[in-house]
Amino acid sequence: MGFLAFLLLGLIAGAIAKLILPGKQGGGWFVTLILGVVGAILGGWIGSLFGLDITTFFSIGTWICAIGGSIIVLLIYGLITGRNKARS
């Protein structure tokens, strides 16, 4: 997979992860891109441990791993920044 395809995958996976997670996450599109790319790397690493084929852009396994990794990274980011706490 090319570099630009990987960035696009990270941006889309990060945006989908933000939509899936409840609450309001901070950051704009650049933070979403960074967290999505980090999440795609994490998801790809976890997927490769299970022997999944994550080398093609249009593979469902690639997208599931990238979105799953992005969710994990967003949860960790929320814990660090404290933005997922309910405010009353």
PDB file of N, CA and C in Angstrom:
ATOM      1  N   MET A   1       0.857  -1.165   0.000  1.00  0.00           N
ATOM      2  CA  MET A   1       0.000   0.000   0.000  1.00  0.00           C
ATOM      3  C   MET A   1       0.903   1.228   0.000  1.00  0.00           C
ATOM      4  N   GLY A   2       0.562   2.212  -0.814  1.00  0.00           N
ATOM      5  CA  GLY A   2       1.356   3.421  -0.919  1.00  0.00           C
ATOM      6  C   GLY A   2       1.181   4.341   0.269  1.00  0.00           C
ATOM      7  N   PHE A   3       2.072   5.307   0.357  1.00  0.00           N
ATOM      8  CA  PHE A   3       2.068   6.241   1.482  1.00  0.00           C
ATOM      9  C   PHE A   3       0.785   7.070   1.519  1.00  0.00           C
ATOM     10  N   LEU A   4       0.361   7.604   0.376  1.00  0.00           N
ATOM     11  CA  LEU A   4      -0.858   8.409   0.342  1.00  0.00           C
ATOM     12  C   LEU A   4      -2.092   7.575   0.668  1.00  0.00           C
ATOM     13  N   ALA A   5      -2.120   6.333   0.197  1.00  0.00           N
ATOM     14  CA  ALA A   5      -3.240   5.446   0.524  1.00  0.00           C
ATOM     15  C   ALA A   5      -3.271   5.164   2.023  1.00  0.00           C
ATOM     16  N   PHE A   6      -2.087   5.028   2.617  1.00  0.00           N
ATOM     17  CA  PHE A   6      -2.019   4.786   4.057  1.00  0.00           C
ATOM     18  C   PHE A   6      -2.512   6.001   4.833  1.00  0.00           C
ATOM     19  N   LEU A   7      -2.165   7.212   4.379  1.00  0.00           N
ATOM     20  CA  LEU A   7      -2.662   8.421   5.039  1.00  0.00           C
ATOM     21  C   LEU A   7      -4.179   8.540   4.894  1.00  0.00           C
ATOM     22  N   LEU A   8      -4.696   8.228   3.709  1.00  0.00           N
ATOM     23  CA  LEU A   8      -6.141   8.270   3.500  1.00  0.00           C
ATOM     24  C   LEU A   8      -6.845   7.245   4.377  1.00  0.00           C
ATOM     25  N   LEU A   9      -6.284   6.054   4.468  1.00  0.00           N
ATOM     26  CA  LEU A   9      -6.837   5.007   5.334  1.00  0.00           C
ATOM     27  C   LEU A   9      -6.855   5.477   6.784  1.00  0.00           C
ATOM     28  N   GLY A  10      -5.763   6.094   7.242  1.00  0.00           N
ATOM     29  CA  GLY A  10      -5.696   6.584   8.619  1.00  0.00           C
ATOM     30  C   GLY A  10      -6.697   7.687   8.890  1.00  0.00           C
ATOM     31  N   LEU A  11      -6.871   8.601   7.936  1.00  0.00           N
ATOM     32  CA  LEU A  11      -7.824   9.690   8.117  1.00  0.00           C
ATOM     33  C   LEU A  11      -9.251   9.167   8.193  1.00  0.00           C
ATOM     34  N   ILE A  12      -9.602   8.277   7.296  1.00  0.00           N
ATOM     35  CA  ILE A  12     -10.963   7.724   7.287  1.00  0.00           C
ATOM     36  C   ILE A  12     -11.199   6.843   8.509  1.00  0.00           C
ATOM     37  N   ALA A  13     -10.212   6.012   8.856  1.00  0.00           N
ATOM     38  CA  ALA A  13     -10.360   5.139  10.027  1.00  0.00           C
ATOM     39  C   ALA A  13     -10.479   5.960  11.309  1.00  0.00           C
ATOM     40  N   GLY A  14      -9.717   7.046  11.417  1.00  0.00           N
ATOM     41  CA  GLY A  14      -9.820   7.912  12.589  1.00  0.00           C
ATOM     42  C   GLY A  14     -11.176   8.590  12.676  1.00  0.00           C
ATOM     43  N   ALA A  15     -11.706   9.026  11.521  1.00  0.00           N
ATOM     44  CA  ALA A  15     -13.025   9.667  11.513  1.00  0.00           C
ATOM     45  C   ALA A  15     -14.118   8.675  11.883  1.00  0.00           C
ATOM     46  N   ILE A  16     -14.026   7.457  11.372  1.00  0.00           N
ATOM     47  CA  ILE A  16     -15.016   6.426  11.713  1.00  0.00           C
ATOM     48  C   ILE A  16     -14.929   6.075  13.187  1.00  0.00           C
ATOM     49  N   ALA A  17     -13.712   5.987  13.716  1.00  0.00           N
ATOM     50  CA  ALA A  17     -13.544   5.688  15.142  1.00  0.00           C
ATOM     51  C   ALA A  17     -14.148   6.796  16.002  1.00  0.00           C
ATOM     52  N   LYS A  18     -13.995   8.064  15.572  1.00  0.00           N
ATOM     53  CA  LYS A  18     -14.602   9.169  16.326  1.00  0.00           C
ATOM     54  C   LYS A  18     -16.120   9.092  16.290  1.00  0.00           C
ATOM     55  N   LEU A  19     -16.669   8.624  15.170  1.00  0.00           N
ATOM     56  CA  LEU A  19     -18.122   8.476  15.076  1.00  0.00           C
ATOM     57  C   LEU A  19     -18.635   7.329  15.941  1.00  0.00           C
ATOM     58  N   ILE A  20     -17.850   6.270  16.064  1.00  0.00           N
ATOM     59  CA  ILE A  20     -18.270   5.097  16.831  1.00  0.00           C
ATOM     60  C   ILE A  20     -18.218   5.369  18.327  1.00  0.00           C
ATOM     61  N   LEU A  21     -17.177   6.051  18.781  1.00  0.00           N
ATOM     62  CA  LEU A  21     -17.012   6.295  20.219  1.00  0.00           C
ATOM     63  C   LEU A  21     -17.999   7.343  20.709  1.00  0.00           C
ATOM     64  N   PRO A  22     -18.609   7.094  21.865  1.00  0.00           N
ATOM     65  CA  PRO A  22     -19.520   8.096  22.422  1.00  0.00           C
ATOM     66  C   PRO A  22     -18.742   9.267  23.013  1.00  0.00           C
ATOM     67  N   GLY A  23     -19.420  10.365  23.154  1.00  0.00           N
ATOM     68  CA  GLY A  23     -18.787  11.545  23.735  1.00  0.00           C
ATOM     69  C   GLY A  23     -18.179  12.427  22.667  1.00  0.00           C
ATOM     70  N   LYS A  24     -17.625  13.528  23.124  1.00  0.00           N
ATOM     71  CA  LYS A  24     -17.032  14.485  22.210  1.00  0.00           C
ATOM     72  C   LYS A  24     -15.521  14.417  22.322  1.00  0.00           C
ATOM     73  N   GLN A  25     -14.889  14.036  21.232  1.00  0.00           N
ATOM     74  CA  GLN A  25     -13.433  14.017  21.205  1.00  0.00           C
ATOM     75  C   GLN A  25     -12.944  15.331  20.617  1.00  0.00           C
ATOM     76  N   GLY A  26     -11.881  15.822  21.156  1.00  0.00           N
ATOM     77  CA  GLY A  26     -11.332  17.076  20.673  1.00  0.00           C
ATOM     78  C   GLY A  26     -10.443  16.862  19.461  1.00  0.00           C
ATOM     79  N   GLY A  27      -9.964  17.936  18.940  1.00  0.00           N
ATOM     80  CA  GLY A  27      -9.048  17.871  17.815  1.00  0.00           C
ATOM     81  C   GLY A  27      -9.756  18.029  16.489  1.00  0.00           C
ATOM     82  N   GLY A  28      -9.053  18.560  15.552  1.00  0.00           N
ATOM     83  CA  GLY A  28      -9.583  18.742  14.210  1.00  0.00           C
ATOM     84  C   GLY A  28      -9.183  17.605  13.305  1.00  0.00           C
ATOM     85  N   TRP A  29      -9.146  17.899  12.015  1.00  0.00           N
ATOM     86  CA  TRP A  29      -8.843  16.850  11.041  1.00  0.00           C
ATOM     87  C   TRP A  29      -7.389  16.408  11.146  1.00  0.00           C
ATOM     88  N   PHE A  30      -6.476  17.315  11.551  1.00  0.00           N
ATOM     89  CA  PHE A  30      -5.074  16.931  11.655  1.00  0.00           C
ATOM     90  C   PHE A  30      -4.847  15.941  12.803  1.00  0.00           C
ATOM     91  N   VAL A  31      -5.490  16.198  13.938  1.00  0.00           N
ATOM     92  CA  VAL A  31      -5.393  15.271  15.073  1.00  0.00           C
ATOM     93  C   VAL A  31      -6.042  13.941  14.707  1.00  0.00           C
ATOM     94  N   THR A  32      -7.163  14.003  13.976  1.00  0.00           N
ATOM     95  CA  THR A  32      -7.815  12.782  13.512  1.00  0.00           C
ATOM     96  C   THR A  32      -6.888  11.995  12.594  1.00  0.00           C
ATOM     97  N   LEU A  33      -6.179  12.701  11.705  1.00  0.00           N
ATOM     98  CA  LEU A  33      -5.237  12.045  10.801  1.00  0.00           C
ATOM     99  C   LEU A  33      -4.116  11.365  11.571  1.00  0.00           C
ATOM    100  N   ILE A  34      -3.519  12.085  12.511  1.00  0.00           N
ATOM    101  CA  ILE A  34      -2.403  11.526  13.284  1.00  0.00           C
ATOM    102  C   ILE A  34      -2.858  10.318  14.094  1.00  0.00           C
ATOM    103  N   LEU A  35      -3.974  10.468  14.819  1.00  0.00           N
ATOM    104  CA  LEU A  35      -4.474   9.359  15.636  1.00  0.00           C
ATOM    105  C   LEU A  35      -4.921   8.197  14.761  1.00  0.00           C
ATOM    106  N   GLY A  36      -5.505   8.493  13.601  1.00  0.00           N
ATOM    107  CA  GLY A  36      -5.916   7.430  12.690  1.00  0.00           C
ATOM    108  C   GLY A  36      -4.742   6.662  12.121  1.00  0.00           C
ATOM    109  N   VAL A  37      -3.669   7.365  11.755  1.00  0.00           N
ATOM    110  CA  VAL A  37      -2.483   6.699  11.222  1.00  0.00           C
ATOM    111  C   VAL A  37      -1.815   5.850  12.312  1.00  0.00           C
ATOM    112  N   VAL A  38      -1.712   6.409  13.510  1.00  0.00           N
ATOM    113  CA  VAL A  38      -1.149   5.633  14.626  1.00  0.00           C
ATOM    114  C   VAL A  38      -2.038   4.418  14.912  1.00  0.00           C
ATOM    115  N   GLY A  39      -3.354   4.626  14.867  1.00  0.00           N
ATOM    116  CA  GLY A  39      -4.280   3.514  15.071  1.00  0.00           C
ATOM    117  C   GLY A  39      -4.198   2.474  13.973  1.00  0.00           C
ATOM    118  N   ALA A  40      -4.006   2.916  12.728  1.00  0.00           N
ATOM    119  CA  ALA A  40      -3.854   1.968  11.624  1.00  0.00           C
ATOM    120  C   ALA A  40      -2.575   1.150  11.780  1.00  0.00           C
ATOM    121  N   ILE A  41      -1.518   1.798  12.240  1.00  0.00           N
ATOM    122  CA  ILE A  41      -0.270   1.063  12.497  1.00  0.00           C
ATOM    123  C   ILE A  41      -0.484   0.039  13.604  1.00  0.00           C
ATOM    124  N   LEU A  42      -1.113   0.464  14.690  1.00  0.00           N
ATOM    125  CA  LEU A  42      -1.392  -0.446  15.803  1.00  0.00           C
ATOM    126  C   LEU A  42      -2.298  -1.593  15.352  1.00  0.00           C
ATOM    127  N   GLY A  43      -3.366  -1.251  14.630  1.00  0.00           N
ATOM    128  CA  GLY A  43      -4.278  -2.284  14.150  1.00  0.00           C
ATOM    129  C   GLY A  43      -3.611  -3.241  13.175  1.00  0.00           C
ATOM    130  N   GLY A  44      -2.750  -2.705  12.312  1.00  0.00           N
ATOM    131  CA  GLY A  44      -2.005  -3.566  11.390  1.00  0.00           C
ATOM    132  C   GLY A  44      -1.062  -4.504  12.112  1.00  0.00           C
ATOM    133  N   TRP A  45      -0.435  -4.001  13.152  1.00  0.00           N
ATOM    134  CA  TRP A  45       0.463  -4.850  13.931  1.00  0.00           C
ATOM    135  C   TRP A  45      -0.318  -5.958  14.635  1.00  0.00           C
ATOM    136  N   ILE A  46      -1.445  -5.598  15.240  1.00  0.00           N
ATOM    137  CA  ILE A  46      -2.273  -6.599  15.917  1.00  0.00           C
ATOM    138  C   ILE A  46      -2.827  -7.604  14.898  1.00  0.00           C
ATOM    139  N   GLY A  47      -3.274  -7.099  13.743  1.00  0.00           N
ATOM    140  CA  GLY A  47      -3.791  -7.992  12.704  1.00  0.00           C
ATOM    141  C   GLY A  47      -2.741  -8.942  12.177  1.00  0.00           C
ATOM    142  N   SER A  48      -1.499  -8.469  12.050  1.00  0.00           N
ATOM    143  CA  SER A  48      -0.437  -9.349  11.566  1.00  0.00           C
ATOM    144  C   SER A  48      -0.093 -10.433  12.585  1.00  0.00           C
ATOM    145  N   LEU A  49      -0.310 -10.142  13.871  1.00  0.00           N
ATOM    146  CA  LEU A  49      -0.090 -11.172  14.888  1.00  0.00           C
ATOM    147  C   LEU A  49      -1.075 -12.327  14.730  1.00  0.00           C
ATOM    148  N   PHE A  50      -2.280 -12.007  14.223  1.00  0.00           N
ATOM    149  CA  PHE A  50      -3.294 -13.034  14.004  1.00  0.00           C
ATOM    150  C   PHE A  50      -3.260 -13.599  12.591  1.00  0.00           C
ATOM    151  N   GLY A  51      -2.303 -13.177  11.786  1.00  0.00           N
ATOM    152  CA  GLY A  51      -2.137 -13.717  10.444  1.00  0.00           C
ATOM    153  C   GLY A  51      -3.111 -13.172   9.415  1.00  0.00           C
ATOM    154  N   LEU A  52      -3.690 -11.986   9.663  1.00  0.00           N
ATOM    155  CA  LEU A  52      -4.617 -11.394   8.705  1.00  0.00           C
ATOM    156  C   LEU A  52      -3.857 -10.746   7.558  1.00  0.00           C
ATOM    157  N   ASP A  53      -4.452 -10.766   6.354  1.00  0.00           N
ATOM    158  CA  ASP A  53      -3.863 -10.120   5.193  1.00  0.00           C
ATOM    159  C   ASP A  53      -4.268  -8.650   5.206  1.00  0.00           C
ATOM    160  N   ILE A  54      -3.328  -7.784   5.505  1.00  0.00           N
ATOM    161  CA  ILE A  54      -3.621  -6.355   5.636  1.00  0.00           C
ATOM    162  C   ILE A  54      -2.769  -5.540   4.673  1.00  0.00           C
ATOM    163  N   THR A  55      -2.471  -6.111   3.510  1.00  0.00           N
ATOM    164  CA  THR A  55      -1.573  -5.445   2.573  1.00  0.00           C
ATOM    165  C   THR A  55      -2.305  -4.653   1.503  1.00  0.00           C
ATOM    166  N   THR A  56      -3.601  -4.852   1.334  1.00  0.00           N
ATOM    167  CA  THR A  56      -4.320  -4.147   0.283  1.00  0.00           C
ATOM    168  C   THR A  56      -5.275  -3.125   0.880  1.00  0.00           C
ATOM    169  N   PHE A  57      -5.483  -2.043   0.143  1.00  0.00           N
ATOM    170  CA  PHE A  57      -6.315  -0.941   0.614  1.00  0.00           C
ATOM    171  C   PHE A  57      -7.780  -1.330   0.725  1.00  0.00           C
ATOM    172  N   PHE A  58      -8.286  -2.115  -0.213  1.00  0.00           N
ATOM    173  CA  PHE A  58      -9.710  -2.432  -0.263  1.00  0.00           C
ATOM    174  C   PHE A  58     -10.081  -3.725   0.463  1.00  0.00           C
ATOM    175  N   SER A  59      -9.173  -4.264   1.235  1.00  0.00           N
ATOM    176  CA  SER A  59      -9.455  -5.462   2.009  1.00  0.00           C
ATOM    177  C   SER A  59     -10.244  -5.098   3.258  1.00  0.00           C
ATOM    178  N   ILE A  60     -11.295  -5.861   3.531  1.00  0.00           N
ATOM    179  CA  ILE A  60     -12.118  -5.596   4.720  1.00  0.00           C
ATOM    180  C   ILE A  60     -11.301  -5.793   5.999  1.00  0.00           C
ATOM    181  N   GLY A  61     -10.369  -6.728   5.974  1.00  0.00           N
ATOM    182  CA  GLY A  61      -9.509  -6.951   7.139  1.00  0.00           C
ATOM    183  C   GLY A  61      -8.631  -5.749   7.447  1.00  0.00           C
ATOM    184  N   THR A  62      -8.159  -5.089   6.391  1.00  0.00           N
ATOM    185  CA  THR A  62      -7.353  -3.884   6.568  1.00  0.00           C
ATOM    186  C   THR A  62      -8.157  -2.793   7.261  1.00  0.00           C
ATOM    187  N   TRP A  63      -9.392  -2.603   6.813  1.00  0.00           N
ATOM    188  CA  TRP A  63     -10.241  -1.559   7.380  1.00  0.00           C
ATOM    189  C   TRP A  63     -10.653  -1.877   8.806  1.00  0.00           C
ATOM    190  N   ILE A  64     -10.983  -3.124   9.077  1.00  0.00           N
ATOM    191  CA  ILE A  64     -11.375  -3.502  10.441  1.00  0.00           C
ATOM    192  C   ILE A  64     -10.207  -3.310  11.395  1.00  0.00           C
ATOM    193  N   CYS A  65      -9.013  -3.724  10.983  1.00  0.00           N
ATOM    194  CA  CYS A  65      -7.835  -3.550  11.838  1.00  0.00           C
ATOM    195  C   CYS A  65      -7.529  -2.073  12.054  1.00  0.00           C
ATOM    196  N   ALA A  66      -7.623  -1.266  10.993  1.00  0.00           N
ATOM    197  CA  ALA A  66      -7.322   0.163  11.116  1.00  0.00           C
ATOM    198  C   ALA A  66      -8.334   0.873  12.005  1.00  0.00           C
ATOM    199  N   ILE A  67      -9.612   0.562  11.845  1.00  0.00           N
ATOM    200  CA  ILE A  67     -10.641   1.196  12.678  1.00  0.00           C
ATOM    201  C   ILE A  67     -10.521   0.726  14.124  1.00  0.00           C
ATOM    202  N   GLY A  68     -10.284  -0.560  14.325  1.00  0.00           N
ATOM    203  CA  GLY A  68     -10.102  -1.080  15.683  1.00  0.00           C
ATOM    204  C   GLY A  68      -8.899  -0.457  16.375  1.00  0.00           C
ATOM    205  N   GLY A  69      -7.797  -0.345  15.651  1.00  0.00           N
ATOM    206  CA  GLY A  69      -6.614   0.303  16.217  1.00  0.00           C
ATOM    207  C   GLY A  69      -6.861   1.770  16.513  1.00  0.00           C
ATOM    208  N   SER A  70      -7.619   2.445  15.642  1.00  0.00           N
ATOM    209  CA  SER A  70      -7.939   3.854  15.863  1.00  0.00           C
ATOM    210  C   SER A  70      -8.830   4.042  17.094  1.00  0.00           C
ATOM    211  N   ILE A  71      -9.738   3.117  17.305  1.00  0.00           N
ATOM    212  CA  ILE A  71     -10.576   3.187  18.506  1.00  0.00           C
ATOM    213  C   ILE A  71      -9.719   3.053  19.755  1.00  0.00           C
ATOM    214  N   ILE A  72      -8.786   2.126  19.735  1.00  0.00           N
ATOM    215  CA  ILE A  72      -7.895   1.944  20.883  1.00  0.00           C
ATOM    216  C   ILE A  72      -7.077   3.206  21.135  1.00  0.00           C
ATOM    217  N   VAL A  73      -6.527   3.788  20.065  1.00  0.00           N
ATOM    218  CA  VAL A  73      -5.710   4.994  20.214  1.00  0.00           C
ATOM    219  C   VAL A  73      -6.563   6.167  20.691  1.00  0.00           C
ATOM    220  N   LEU A  74      -7.791   6.295  20.186  1.00  0.00           N
ATOM    221  CA  LEU A  74      -8.672   7.370  20.641  1.00  0.00           C
ATOM    222  C   LEU A  74      -9.057   7.205  22.106  1.00  0.00           C
ATOM    223  N   LEU A  75      -9.267   5.974  22.545  1.00  0.00           N
ATOM    224  CA  LEU A  75      -9.563   5.748  23.963  1.00  0.00           C
ATOM    225  C   LEU A  75      -8.382   6.154  24.837  1.00  0.00           C
ATOM    226  N   ILE A  76      -7.184   5.799  24.413  1.00  0.00           N
ATOM    227  CA  ILE A  76      -5.986   6.180  25.169  1.00  0.00           C
ATOM    228  C   ILE A  76      -5.809   7.695  25.141  1.00  0.00           C
ATOM    229  N   TYR A  77      -6.033   8.324  23.983  1.00  0.00           N
ATOM    230  CA  TYR A  77      -5.951   9.779  23.865  1.00  0.00           C
ATOM    231  C   TYR A  77      -6.973  10.461  24.778  1.00  0.00           C
ATOM    232  N   GLY A  78      -8.172   9.900  24.849  1.00  0.00           N
ATOM    233  CA  GLY A  78      -9.197  10.459  25.727  1.00  0.00           C
ATOM    234  C   GLY A  78      -8.832  10.332  27.192  1.00  0.00           C
ATOM    235  N   LEU A  79      -8.196   9.230  27.552  1.00  0.00           N
ATOM    236  CA  LEU A  79      -7.757   9.067  28.943  1.00  0.00           C
ATOM    237  C   LEU A  79      -6.643  10.047  29.300  1.00  0.00           C
ATOM    238  N   ILE A  80      -5.754  10.287  28.352  1.00  0.00           N
ATOM    239  CA  ILE A  80      -4.638  11.197  28.614  1.00  0.00           C
ATOM    240  C   ILE A  80      -5.115  12.640  28.701  1.00  0.00           C
ATOM    241  N   THR A  81      -5.974  13.051  27.767  1.00  0.00           N
ATOM    242  CA  THR A  81      -6.412  14.445  27.740  1.00  0.00           C
ATOM    243  C   THR A  81      -7.598  14.692  28.643  1.00  0.00           C
ATOM    244  N   GLY A  82      -8.335  13.643  29.030  1.00  0.00           N
ATOM    245  CA  GLY A  82      -9.475  13.799  29.918  1.00  0.00           C
ATOM    246  C   GLY A  82     -10.689  14.421  29.255  1.00  0.00           C
ATOM    247  N   ARG A  83     -10.808  14.311  27.931  1.00  0.00           N
ATOM    248  CA  ARG A  83     -11.920  14.947  27.206  1.00  0.00           C
ATOM    249  C   ARG A  83     -13.171  14.100  27.157  1.00  0.00           C
ATOM    250  N   ASN A  84     -13.101  12.837  27.503  1.00  0.00           N
ATOM    251  CA  ASN A  84     -14.273  11.968  27.417  1.00  0.00           C
ATOM    252  C   ASN A  84     -15.106  11.975  28.692  1.00  0.00           C
ATOM    253  N   LYS A  85     -14.709  12.753  29.679  1.00  0.00           N
ATOM    254  CA  LYS A  85     -15.452  12.785  30.930  1.00  0.00           C
ATOM    255  C   LYS A  85     -16.720  13.586  30.750  1.00  0.00           C
ATOM    256  N   ALA A  86     -17.770  13.109  31.369  1.00  0.00           N
ATOM    257  CA  ALA A  86     -19.054  13.829  31.310  1.00  0.00           C
ATOM    258  C   ALA A  86     -18.945  15.061  32.204  1.00  0.00           C
ATOM    259  N   ARG A  87     -19.408  16.159  31.669  1.00  0.00           N
ATOM    260  CA  ARG A  87     -19.351  17.410  32.440  1.00  0.00           C
ATOM    261  C   ARG A  87     -20.759  17.818  32.816  1.00  0.00           C
ATOM    262  N   SER A  88     -20.947  18.096  34.098  1.00  0.00           N
ATOM    263  CA  SER A  88     -22.281  18.507  34.540  1.00  0.00           C
ATOM    264  C   SER A  88     -22.304  19.923  35.032  1.00  0.00           C
TER     265      SER A  88
END
